[in-house]
Structure formats: structure tokens, C-alpha cells
Amino acid sequence: MAERIAAVLGFAFLVVAVGYFLRGGLATDDSPPDVAVTVDSILPQRDGFLVEIRAFNRGGAAAAAVTVEGVLRTGSGEERAETTFDFVPARSERAGGLVFRTDPRRGELELRVLGYSAP
């Protein structure tokens, strides 16, 4: 009797697993990359301040050469920094950093994605 219960449970798990993988393999998301950028932390360094950032791609397609710009506005002017993420897969995230001479906590920091290319 125990063998039959184990066999039925094993078969049920197999059916669920196959169904899960088929659903994931057959489902398509044709939406374009949708990359957003957030600040993780700001760290002082010898030559300035490192702004650790994270790029999230919520779209259904991957993005390559994702260029991110940071603009820091302070009372004394404006400072820009830029970085490029080589590849951000669909529904994933990547980390990077921007370096500024001025402390970003003493001004207004704006991050934006300038563009990407299809891989």
C-alpha cells in the first residue's frame, strides 16, 4: 500500500513539474526592455563619492549596452557621470556605480537610462 501512495505522489509531482516547465517554455513575453535605475548606496572614496546603482529590466526582452546617466545638481552647478551595463537580461537586475567629485547627498541626484541596443 505504501508503494502505491509513493508512486501516485511521485507521478503527481512529475506531472506538476512537466506542466510548470512547459508553461514557462511556451509562454512568450514580447515586451521591449523596460530598464529602471535606483540608488543602492553612496560611499565616500579617495577621489570623490561612489554612487552604487542597480538597473532593473522588467521587460520581456534583454537589453545590451545600457547607458545610464547621473546628473548631480548642487548650488555650485551641475556634475554628470555615466556608465554602461554590457547586458541586462529580461526580468533581471545588474549593479554598477557612478563616481562624483561632490557628495550627492548635498544636492539633487537624477538617474536616467539614456538608451540601449538589442543584443
N, C-alpha and C. Protein backbone atom coordinates (compact mmCIF):
# COMPACT_ATOMS: atom_id res chain seq x y z
N MET A 1 0.82 -1.20 0.00
CA MET A 1 0.00 0.00 0.00
C MET A 1 0.86 1.26 0.00
N ALA A 2 1.93 1.25 0.77
CA ALA A 2 2.82 2.41 0.84
C ALA A 2 3.48 2.66 -0.52
N GLU A 3 3.77 1.58 -1.25
CA GLU A 3 4.39 1.74 -2.56
C GLU A 3 3.45 2.45 -3.52
N ARG A 4 2.17 2.12 -3.46
CA ARG A 4 1.20 2.76 -4.34
C ARG A 4 1.05 4.25 -4.03
N ILE A 5 1.02 4.59 -2.75
CA ILE A 5 0.92 6.01 -2.35
C ILE A 5 2.14 6.78 -2.83
N ALA A 6 3.31 6.18 -2.65
CA ALA A 6 4.55 6.82 -3.10
C ALA A 6 4.55 6.97 -4.61
N ALA A 7 4.06 5.97 -5.33
CA ALA A 7 4.01 6.04 -6.80
C ALA A 7 3.06 7.12 -7.27
N VAL A 8 1.89 7.21 -6.64
CA VAL A 8 0.91 8.23 -7.01
C VAL A 8 1.47 9.62 -6.73
N LEU A 9 2.08 9.81 -5.56
CA LEU A 9 2.69 11.11 -5.24
C LEU A 9 3.82 11.46 -6.20
N GLY A 10 4.66 10.49 -6.52
CA GLY A 10 5.74 10.72 -7.47
C GLY A 10 5.22 11.11 -8.84
N PHE A 11 4.18 10.42 -9.30
CA PHE A 11 3.58 10.75 -10.58
C PHE A 11 2.96 12.15 -10.55
N ALA A 12 2.30 12.50 -9.46
CA ALA A 12 1.70 13.84 -9.34
C ALA A 12 2.78 14.91 -9.40
N PHE A 13 3.88 14.72 -8.69
CA PHE A 13 4.99 15.68 -8.75
C PHE A 13 5.56 15.78 -10.15
N LEU A 14 5.68 14.66 -10.85
CA LEU A 14 6.19 14.65 -12.21
C LEU A 14 5.28 15.46 -13.13
N VAL A 15 3.98 15.25 -13.03
CA VAL A 15 3.02 15.96 -13.88
C VAL A 15 3.09 17.47 -13.61
N VAL A 16 3.16 17.85 -12.34
CA VAL A 16 3.25 19.27 -11.99
C VAL A 16 4.54 19.87 -12.54
N ALA A 17 5.66 19.18 -12.38
CA ALA A 17 6.95 19.69 -12.85
C ALA A 17 6.96 19.84 -14.37
N VAL A 18 6.48 18.85 -15.09
CA VAL A 18 6.44 18.93 -16.55
C VAL A 18 5.53 20.08 -16.99
N GLY A 19 4.39 20.22 -16.36
CA GLY A 19 3.48 21.31 -16.68
C GLY A 19 4.10 22.67 -16.43
N TYR A 20 4.82 22.80 -15.33
CA TYR A 20 5.48 24.06 -14.99
C TYR A 20 6.51 24.43 -16.06
N PHE A 21 7.35 23.48 -16.44
CA PHE A 21 8.39 23.76 -17.43
C PHE A 21 7.81 24.00 -18.81
N LEU A 22 6.77 23.30 -19.18
CA LEU A 22 6.12 23.55 -20.47
C LEU A 22 5.50 24.94 -20.51
N ARG A 23 4.85 25.32 -19.44
CA ARG A 23 4.23 26.64 -19.38
C ARG A 23 5.30 27.73 -19.51
N GLY A 24 6.40 27.58 -18.80
CA GLY A 24 7.48 28.57 -18.87
C GLY A 24 8.14 28.61 -20.23
N GLY A 25 8.29 27.44 -20.87
CA GLY A 25 8.94 27.38 -22.17
C GLY A 25 8.06 27.88 -23.30
N LEU A 26 6.77 27.71 -23.18
CA LEU A 26 5.86 28.12 -24.24
C LEU A 26 5.36 29.55 -24.10
N ALA A 27 5.41 30.08 -22.90
CA ALA A 27 4.94 31.45 -22.68
C ALA A 27 5.96 32.42 -23.26
N THR A 28 5.47 33.37 -24.01
CA THR A 28 6.36 34.38 -24.59
C THR A 28 5.94 35.75 -24.10
N ASP A 29 6.93 36.57 -23.84
CA ASP A 29 6.70 37.95 -23.45
C ASP A 29 7.46 38.81 -24.46
N ASP A 30 6.74 39.38 -25.39
CA ASP A 30 7.35 40.16 -26.46
C ASP A 30 7.55 41.62 -26.10
N SER A 31 7.36 41.96 -24.84
CA SER A 31 7.51 43.36 -24.46
C SER A 31 8.97 43.79 -24.57
N PRO A 32 9.22 45.05 -24.93
CA PRO A 32 10.59 45.53 -25.05
C PRO A 32 11.24 45.68 -23.68
N PRO A 33 12.56 45.88 -23.65
CA PRO A 33 13.23 46.11 -22.37
C PRO A 33 12.61 47.31 -21.66
N ASP A 34 12.50 47.22 -20.36
CA ASP A 34 11.96 48.30 -19.53
C ASP A 34 12.92 48.46 -18.36
N VAL A 35 13.94 49.28 -18.55
CA VAL A 35 15.02 49.39 -17.57
C VAL A 35 14.82 50.62 -16.69
N ALA A 36 14.85 50.40 -15.39
CA ALA A 36 14.78 51.48 -14.39
C ALA A 36 16.03 51.40 -13.53
N VAL A 37 16.44 52.55 -12.98
CA VAL A 37 17.68 52.60 -12.19
C VAL A 37 17.38 53.19 -10.82
N THR A 38 17.97 52.58 -9.79
CA THR A 38 17.83 53.08 -8.42
C THR A 38 19.20 53.18 -7.76
N VAL A 39 19.26 53.99 -6.71
CA VAL A 39 20.48 54.13 -5.92
C VAL A 39 20.47 53.10 -4.80
N ASP A 40 21.57 52.34 -4.69
CA ASP A 40 21.73 51.39 -3.58
C ASP A 40 22.38 52.07 -2.38
N SER A 41 23.49 52.78 -2.64
CA SER A 41 24.19 53.44 -1.54
C SER A 41 25.14 54.50 -2.09
N ILE A 42 25.61 55.36 -1.19
CA ILE A 42 26.59 56.39 -1.52
C ILE A 42 27.76 56.23 -0.56
N LEU A 43 28.95 56.04 -1.14
CA LEU A 43 30.13 55.77 -0.33
C LEU A 43 31.24 56.77 -0.64
N PRO A 44 31.85 57.38 0.39
CA PRO A 44 32.99 58.26 0.13
C PRO A 44 34.20 57.45 -0.33
N GLN A 45 34.94 58.02 -1.27
CA GLN A 45 36.17 57.40 -1.76
C GLN A 45 37.28 58.44 -1.78
N ARG A 46 38.48 58.00 -2.09
CA ARG A 46 39.62 58.90 -2.10
C ARG A 46 39.44 60.03 -3.11
N ASP A 47 38.88 59.73 -4.28
CA ASP A 47 38.75 60.73 -5.34
C ASP A 47 37.33 61.25 -5.51
N GLY A 48 36.46 61.04 -4.56
CA GLY A 48 35.09 61.53 -4.69
C GLY A 48 34.11 60.65 -3.95
N PHE A 49 32.97 60.45 -4.58
CA PHE A 49 31.88 59.68 -3.96
C PHE A 49 31.34 58.68 -4.96
N LEU A 50 31.27 57.43 -4.53
CA LEU A 50 30.73 56.36 -5.36
C LEU A 50 29.25 56.20 -5.07
N VAL A 51 28.45 56.30 -6.12
CA VAL A 51 27.01 56.04 -6.02
C VAL A 51 26.79 54.66 -6.62
N GLU A 52 26.52 53.68 -5.74
CA GLU A 52 26.24 52.33 -6.21
C GLU A 52 24.80 52.29 -6.71
N ILE A 53 24.63 51.82 -7.94
CA ILE A 53 23.30 51.81 -8.56
C ILE A 53 22.93 50.40 -8.98
N ARG A 54 21.64 50.22 -9.23
CA ARG A 54 21.12 48.93 -9.67
C ARG A 54 20.16 49.21 -10.83
N ALA A 55 20.36 48.49 -11.95
CA ALA A 55 19.49 48.60 -13.12
C ALA A 55 18.57 47.38 -13.14
N PHE A 56 17.27 47.62 -13.17
CA PHE A 56 16.25 46.56 -13.21
C PHE A 56 15.62 46.54 -14.59
N ASN A 57 15.59 45.39 -15.23
CA ASN A 57 14.91 45.24 -16.51
C ASN A 57 13.63 44.44 -16.27
N ARG A 58 12.51 45.12 -16.28
CA ARG A 58 11.22 44.46 -16.04
C ARG A 58 10.56 44.02 -17.34
N GLY A 59 11.21 44.28 -18.46
CA GLY A 59 10.66 43.93 -19.76
C GLY A 59 10.87 42.47 -20.11
N GLY A 60 10.29 42.07 -21.24
CA GLY A 60 10.38 40.69 -21.68
C GLY A 60 11.55 40.41 -22.60
N ALA A 61 12.31 41.44 -22.96
CA ALA A 61 13.48 41.26 -23.83
C ALA A 61 14.72 41.79 -23.14
N ALA A 62 15.85 41.23 -23.50
CA ALA A 62 17.13 41.68 -22.93
C ALA A 62 17.56 43.00 -23.56
N ALA A 63 18.44 43.70 -22.86
CA ALA A 63 19.00 44.95 -23.37
C ALA A 63 20.52 44.88 -23.26
N ALA A 64 21.20 45.35 -24.30
CA ALA A 64 22.66 45.38 -24.30
C ALA A 64 23.12 46.83 -24.33
N ALA A 65 24.33 47.06 -23.85
CA ALA A 65 24.94 48.40 -23.85
C ALA A 65 23.98 49.43 -23.26
N VAL A 66 23.45 49.14 -22.08
CA VAL A 66 22.52 50.04 -21.40
C VAL A 66 23.31 51.19 -20.79
N THR A 67 23.10 52.39 -21.30
CA THR A 67 23.83 53.57 -20.83
C THR A 67 22.99 54.31 -19.81
N VAL A 68 23.60 54.54 -18.63
CA VAL A 68 22.92 55.24 -17.53
C VAL A 68 23.67 56.53 -17.24
N GLU A 69 22.92 57.61 -17.11
CA GLU A 69 23.50 58.91 -16.78
C GLU A 69 23.02 59.35 -15.41
N GLY A 70 23.94 59.91 -14.65
CA GLY A 70 23.60 60.53 -13.38
C GLY A 70 23.92 62.01 -13.46
N VAL A 71 22.96 62.84 -13.08
CA VAL A 71 23.16 64.29 -13.06
C VAL A 71 22.98 64.75 -11.62
N LEU A 72 24.04 65.38 -11.09
CA LEU A 72 24.02 65.89 -9.72
C LEU A 72 23.95 67.41 -9.78
N ARG A 73 22.88 67.98 -9.23
CA ARG A 73 22.70 69.43 -9.21
C ARG A 73 22.90 69.94 -7.79
N THR A 74 23.82 70.87 -7.65
CA THR A 74 24.09 71.50 -6.36
C THR A 74 24.05 73.01 -6.55
N GLY A 75 24.19 73.74 -5.46
CA GLY A 75 24.19 75.20 -5.54
C GLY A 75 25.33 75.75 -6.37
N SER A 76 26.40 74.98 -6.51
CA SER A 76 27.56 75.45 -7.26
C SER A 76 27.56 74.98 -8.71
N GLY A 77 26.53 74.28 -9.16
CA GLY A 77 26.46 73.85 -10.55
C GLY A 77 25.95 72.45 -10.74
N GLU A 78 26.39 71.88 -11.85
CA GLU A 78 25.90 70.57 -12.25
C GLU A 78 27.09 69.67 -12.59
N GLU A 79 26.99 68.41 -12.17
CA GLU A 79 28.04 67.43 -12.45
C GLU A 79 27.38 66.19 -13.04
N ARG A 80 28.03 65.61 -14.05
CA ARG A 80 27.47 64.43 -14.73
C ARG A 80 28.42 63.25 -14.63
N ALA A 81 27.84 62.06 -14.56
CA ALA A 81 28.61 60.82 -14.60
C ALA A 81 27.81 59.83 -15.43
N GLU A 82 28.50 58.89 -16.05
CA GLU A 82 27.85 57.94 -16.95
C GLU A 82 28.50 56.58 -16.83
N THR A 83 27.69 55.53 -16.97
CA THR A 83 28.22 54.17 -17.01
C THR A 83 27.39 53.36 -17.99
N THR A 84 27.95 52.22 -18.41
CA THR A 84 27.26 51.35 -19.35
C THR A 84 27.24 49.93 -18.81
N PHE A 85 26.07 49.33 -18.80
CA PHE A 85 25.91 47.92 -18.44
C PHE A 85 25.97 47.13 -19.74
N ASP A 86 26.89 46.17 -19.82
CA ASP A 86 27.06 45.40 -21.06
C ASP A 86 25.79 44.66 -21.45
N PHE A 87 25.11 44.07 -20.47
CA PHE A 87 23.96 43.23 -20.78
C PHE A 87 23.04 43.15 -19.57
N VAL A 88 21.76 43.41 -19.78
CA VAL A 88 20.76 43.28 -18.71
C VAL A 88 19.65 42.37 -19.24
N PRO A 89 19.65 41.09 -18.83
CA PRO A 89 18.64 40.16 -19.32
C PRO A 89 17.22 40.57 -18.92
N ALA A 90 16.24 39.99 -19.59
CA ALA A 90 14.84 40.24 -19.26
C ALA A 90 14.57 39.82 -17.81
N ARG A 91 13.76 40.60 -17.14
CA ARG A 91 13.34 40.32 -15.76
C ARG A 91 14.52 40.01 -14.85
N SER A 92 15.53 40.88 -14.89
CA SER A 92 16.71 40.69 -14.05
C SER A 92 17.26 42.05 -13.64
N GLU A 93 18.37 42.02 -12.93
CA GLU A 93 19.00 43.25 -12.48
C GLU A 93 20.51 43.13 -12.55
N ARG A 94 21.17 44.27 -12.64
CA ARG A 94 22.63 44.35 -12.64
C ARG A 94 23.03 45.54 -11.78
N ALA A 95 24.21 45.43 -11.15
CA ALA A 95 24.71 46.50 -10.29
C ALA A 95 25.90 47.19 -10.95
N GLY A 96 26.08 48.46 -10.61
CA GLY A 96 27.19 49.24 -11.14
C GLY A 96 27.41 50.46 -10.27
N GLY A 97 28.16 51.42 -10.77
CA GLY A 97 28.43 52.61 -9.97
C GLY A 97 28.74 53.82 -10.81
N LEU A 98 28.50 54.98 -10.22
CA LEU A 98 28.83 56.28 -10.79
C LEU A 98 29.69 57.02 -9.78
N VAL A 99 30.69 57.76 -10.24
CA VAL A 99 31.57 58.48 -9.34
C VAL A 99 31.41 59.99 -9.57
N PHE A 100 31.21 60.71 -8.46
CA PHE A 100 31.08 62.17 -8.49
C PHE A 100 32.13 62.78 -7.59
N ARG A 101 32.58 63.98 -7.94
CA ARG A 101 33.52 64.71 -7.08
C ARG A 101 32.81 65.28 -5.85
N THR A 102 31.55 65.68 -6.02
CA THR A 102 30.76 66.30 -4.96
C THR A 102 29.89 65.24 -4.29
N ASP A 103 29.63 65.41 -3.00
CA ASP A 103 28.78 64.48 -2.25
C ASP A 103 27.34 64.56 -2.77
N PRO A 104 26.81 63.48 -3.36
CA PRO A 104 25.45 63.50 -3.90
C PRO A 104 24.37 63.73 -2.84
N ARG A 105 24.70 63.51 -1.57
CA ARG A 105 23.71 63.73 -0.51
C ARG A 105 23.49 65.22 -0.26
N ARG A 106 24.34 66.07 -0.82
CA ARG A 106 24.21 67.52 -0.63
C ARG A 106 23.61 68.22 -1.84
N GLY A 107 23.01 67.45 -2.69
CA GLY A 107 22.39 68.02 -3.88
C GLY A 107 21.24 67.15 -4.34
N GLU A 108 20.83 67.39 -5.57
CA GLU A 108 19.73 66.63 -6.17
C GLU A 108 20.32 65.72 -7.23
N LEU A 109 20.18 64.40 -7.05
CA LEU A 109 20.73 63.42 -7.98
C LEU A 109 19.60 62.83 -8.82
N GLU A 110 19.78 62.92 -10.13
CA GLU A 110 18.80 62.35 -11.06
C GLU A 110 19.49 61.27 -11.88
N LEU A 111 18.88 60.10 -11.93
CA LEU A 111 19.39 58.98 -12.73
C LEU A 111 18.42 58.70 -13.85
N ARG A 112 18.98 58.40 -15.03
CA ARG A 112 18.09 58.02 -16.14
C ARG A 112 18.84 57.14 -17.12
N VAL A 113 18.07 56.30 -17.79
CA VAL A 113 18.62 55.44 -18.84
C VAL A 113 18.63 56.25 -20.12
N LEU A 114 19.82 56.38 -20.74
CA LEU A 114 19.92 57.13 -21.99
C LEU A 114 19.55 56.28 -23.21
N GLY A 115 19.82 54.98 -23.13
CA GLY A 115 19.49 54.12 -24.25
C GLY A 115 20.10 52.75 -24.10
N TYR A 116 19.78 51.88 -25.05
CA TYR A 116 20.29 50.51 -25.08
C TYR A 116 20.25 50.03 -26.52
N SER A 117 20.85 48.89 -26.76
CA SER A 117 20.77 48.26 -28.08
C SER A 117 20.25 46.84 -27.92
N ALA A 118 19.75 46.30 -29.01
CA ALA A 118 19.27 44.91 -28.99
C ALA A 118 20.49 43.99 -29.03
N PRO A 119 20.51 42.96 -28.18
CA PRO A 119 21.66 42.05 -28.17
C PRO A 119 21.73 41.19 -29.42
